Amino acid sequence: AQAAPRGAAGGGGARSEAPAVEECLALHVEDDPMLAWTLSVNVFAKVGFPKHLATDGEQAVAMVRERAEAGLAPYSIIVMDNQMPVKTGEQATRELRQMGVTQTIIGVTGDPEGSPDRRAFEAAGLDACVDKTSDGLNYVVKLLRDQQEAVAARGGGGVAAAGAPSTRASTVAPGTA
């Protein structure tokens, strides 16, 4: 099953002093090398969406913070695993939202729908949460393409507002999103 964005439900306010998102650049957070490679080929490369890779939630938070401190545009989207060493996706997502990150955060997890771990991950501030299945990965591809189109519509290289309103995750049946 996959989660489709729904109405805003708190988490992260607008950051007027933050630089605008100038291009499509994802942060992919995944500790499993095989899954990181699979998503690189079947998701990011499929759409031509550049990405940086973090291997756990702590590294992801540090990378987001370093970009902000350097005055660089924030990542336009974050694709985050949940079950990772050092800091889980749930913990990292919660910390990113507390830091004021409003960009889209998509959870990609093997946690079963309705499980306590998945519910907590979704509640941490995800915009959507998908399974590590072809349906879930296809949904991520769709979100990346949508973001590319939105950036292009704003002028080729485009600028996406860094403080754009964020929505939070809910789970829906496959094929209904």
Protein backbone atom coordinates (compact mmCIF):
# COMPACT_ATOMS: atom_id res chain seq x y z
CA ALA A 1 0.00 0.00 0.00
CA GLN A 2 1.08 3.57 -0.42
CA ALA A 3 0.26 6.82 1.23
CA ALA A 4 -1.03 9.83 -0.60
CA PRO A 5 -0.52 13.35 0.68
CA ARG A 6 -3.45 14.76 2.58
CA GLY A 7 -4.29 18.10 4.17
CA ALA A 8 -1.70 19.90 6.26
CA ALA A 9 -1.49 18.81 9.86
CA GLY A 10 1.23 20.85 11.50
CA GLY A 11 4.98 20.46 11.47
CA GLY A 12 7.51 22.99 10.23
CA GLY A 13 6.60 26.57 9.53
CA ALA A 14 7.72 28.72 6.62
CA ARG A 15 11.38 29.77 6.70
CA SER A 16 11.44 33.18 5.06
CA GLU A 17 15.23 33.55 5.45
CA ALA A 18 15.99 30.20 3.74
CA PRO A 19 17.25 30.21 0.16
CA ALA A 20 14.80 29.04 -2.47
CA VAL A 21 15.01 25.55 -3.93
CA GLU A 22 16.80 26.32 -7.20
CA GLU A 23 16.72 22.91 -8.80
CA CYS A 24 15.55 19.38 -8.34
CA LEU A 25 17.93 17.75 -5.88
CA ALA A 26 16.88 14.88 -3.65
CA LEU A 27 18.36 13.52 -0.46
CA HIS A 28 18.00 9.74 -0.41
CA VAL A 29 18.40 8.20 3.05
CA GLU A 30 18.95 4.43 3.01
CA ASP A 31 21.32 2.22 5.00
CA ASP A 32 21.05 -0.92 2.83
CA PRO A 33 23.56 -0.67 -0.07
CA MET A 34 21.48 -2.93 -2.35
CA LEU A 35 18.28 -0.92 -1.77
CA ALA A 36 20.19 2.33 -2.22
CA TRP A 37 21.47 1.06 -5.59
CA THR A 38 18.02 -0.26 -6.59
CA LEU A 39 16.34 3.08 -5.89
CA SER A 40 19.17 4.93 -7.65
CA VAL A 41 18.57 2.93 -10.83
CA ASN A 42 14.80 2.33 -10.69
CA VAL A 43 13.68 5.67 -9.29
CA PHE A 44 16.16 8.57 -9.43
CA ALA A 45 18.01 7.67 -12.67
CA LYS A 46 14.73 6.67 -14.32
CA VAL A 47 13.53 10.26 -14.02
CA GLY A 48 16.91 11.97 -14.26
CA PHE A 49 16.55 13.37 -10.74
CA PRO A 50 19.93 14.11 -9.11
CA LYS A 51 20.41 12.98 -5.51
CA HIS A 52 22.77 12.84 -2.59
CA LEU A 53 22.89 9.72 -0.40
CA ALA A 54 22.91 9.51 3.39
CA THR A 55 23.31 6.10 5.02
CA ASP A 56 21.40 6.85 8.22
CA GLY A 57 19.12 9.45 9.76
CA GLU A 58 21.89 11.21 11.67
CA GLN A 59 23.90 11.76 8.50
CA ALA A 60 20.75 13.01 6.74
CA VAL A 61 20.06 15.61 9.44
CA ALA A 62 23.71 16.72 9.30
CA MET A 63 23.61 17.06 5.50
CA VAL A 64 20.44 19.19 5.62
CA ARG A 65 21.92 21.35 8.39
CA GLU A 66 25.23 21.79 6.51
CA ARG A 67 23.42 22.97 3.36
CA ALA A 68 21.45 25.52 5.40
CA GLU A 69 24.56 26.76 7.24
CA ALA A 70 26.42 27.11 3.93
CA GLY A 71 23.56 29.16 2.46
CA LEU A 72 22.86 26.52 -0.20
CA ALA A 73 19.38 25.84 -1.50
CA PRO A 74 17.69 23.07 0.51
CA TYR A 75 17.01 19.64 -0.91
CA SER A 76 13.81 19.78 -2.91
CA ILE A 77 12.66 16.35 -1.65
CA ILE A 78 13.86 13.82 0.92
CA VAL A 79 13.23 10.10 0.41
CA MET A 80 13.75 8.35 3.75
CA ASP A 81 13.94 4.76 4.97
CA ASN A 82 12.72 4.12 8.51
CA GLN A 83 14.65 1.21 10.02
CA MET A 84 18.26 2.42 10.09
CA PRO A 85 21.13 2.36 12.59
CA VAL A 86 22.24 5.43 14.56
CA LYS A 87 19.01 7.41 13.95
CA THR A 88 15.81 5.99 12.45
CA GLY A 89 13.79 7.63 9.73
CA GLU A 90 11.16 8.48 12.32
CA GLN A 91 13.71 10.25 14.55
CA ALA A 92 15.35 12.04 11.62
CA THR A 93 12.01 13.19 10.16
CA ARG A 94 10.88 14.55 13.52
CA GLU A 95 14.20 16.40 13.95
CA LEU A 96 14.07 17.84 10.42
CA ARG A 97 10.53 19.15 11.01
CA GLN A 98 11.64 20.66 14.35
CA MET A 99 14.48 22.39 12.46
CA GLY A 100 11.84 24.01 10.25
CA VAL A 101 12.31 21.84 7.15
CA THR A 102 9.14 22.16 5.06
CA GLN A 103 10.25 20.34 1.90
CA THR A 104 8.56 17.08 0.98
CA ILE A 105 9.69 14.04 2.99
CA ILE A 106 8.62 10.67 1.60
CA GLY A 107 8.97 7.58 3.76
CA VAL A 108 9.89 4.34 1.97
CA THR A 109 9.55 1.42 4.34
CA GLY A 110 9.19 -2.31 4.69
CA ASP A 111 7.20 -1.81 7.88
CA PRO A 112 3.72 -3.31 7.41
CA GLU A 113 0.80 -0.93 7.06
CA GLY A 114 -0.77 -0.25 10.45
CA SER A 115 2.27 -1.44 12.42
CA PRO A 116 3.33 0.72 15.38
CA ASP A 117 6.68 1.55 13.73
CA ARG A 118 5.04 2.67 10.49
CA ARG A 119 2.36 4.72 12.26
CA ALA A 120 5.04 6.47 14.32
CA PHE A 121 7.10 7.12 11.16
CA GLU A 122 4.10 8.65 9.41
CA ALA A 123 3.23 10.75 12.47
CA ALA A 124 6.78 12.16 12.64
CA GLY A 125 5.95 14.49 9.74
CA LEU A 126 6.05 12.53 6.49
CA ASP A 127 4.24 13.92 3.48
CA ALA A 128 3.64 10.38 2.21
CA CYS A 129 4.74 6.87 3.12
CA VAL A 130 5.09 4.04 0.60
CA ASP A 131 5.98 0.36 0.73
CA LYS A 132 9.23 -0.96 -0.74
CA THR A 133 7.27 -2.53 -3.59
CA SER A 134 7.01 -1.66 -7.27
CA ASP A 135 3.74 0.20 -6.56
CA GLY A 136 5.41 2.24 -3.83
CA LEU A 137 8.47 3.01 -5.94
CA ASN A 138 6.28 3.98 -8.91
CA TYR A 139 4.52 6.45 -6.63
CA VAL A 140 7.90 8.00 -5.72
CA VAL A 141 8.74 8.24 -9.45
CA LYS A 142 5.43 10.07 -9.99
CA LEU A 143 6.21 12.53 -7.17
CA LEU A 144 9.67 13.22 -8.58
CA ARG A 145 8.25 13.82 -12.07
CA ASP A 146 5.58 16.11 -10.64
CA GLN A 147 8.26 18.10 -8.86
CA GLN A 148 10.36 18.37 -12.03
CA GLU A 149 7.33 19.67 -13.92
CA ALA A 150 6.58 22.22 -11.21
CA VAL A 151 10.17 23.49 -11.25
CA ALA A 152 10.17 23.65 -15.07
CA ALA A 153 6.88 25.57 -15.03
CA ARG A 154 8.58 28.21 -12.88
CA GLY A 155 11.15 28.88 -15.57
CA GLY A 156 13.27 26.00 -16.81
CA GLY A 157 15.77 25.64 -13.95
CA GLY A 158 13.00 27.04 -11.85
CA VAL A 159 12.73 28.12 -8.28
CA ALA A 160 10.44 26.34 -5.87
CA ALA A 161 9.47 28.17 -2.70
CA ALA A 162 11.43 26.80 0.25
CA GLY A 163 8.57 27.62 2.60
CA ALA A 164 5.82 26.01 0.53
CA PRO A 165 3.10 24.48 2.66
CA SER A 166 3.63 20.85 3.54
CA THR A 167 1.06 18.09 3.85
CA ARG A 168 1.26 15.01 6.04
CA ALA A 169 0.94 11.31 5.29
CA SER A 170 -2.03 9.01 5.29
CA THR A 171 -2.30 5.49 3.95
CA VAL A 172 -4.57 4.57 1.05
CA ALA A 173 -5.19 1.41 -0.90
CA PRO A 174 -2.86 0.69 -3.84
CA GLY A 175 -3.95 2.21 -7.11
CA THR A 176 -6.12 4.88 -5.50
CA ALA A 177 -3.46 7.57 -5.22
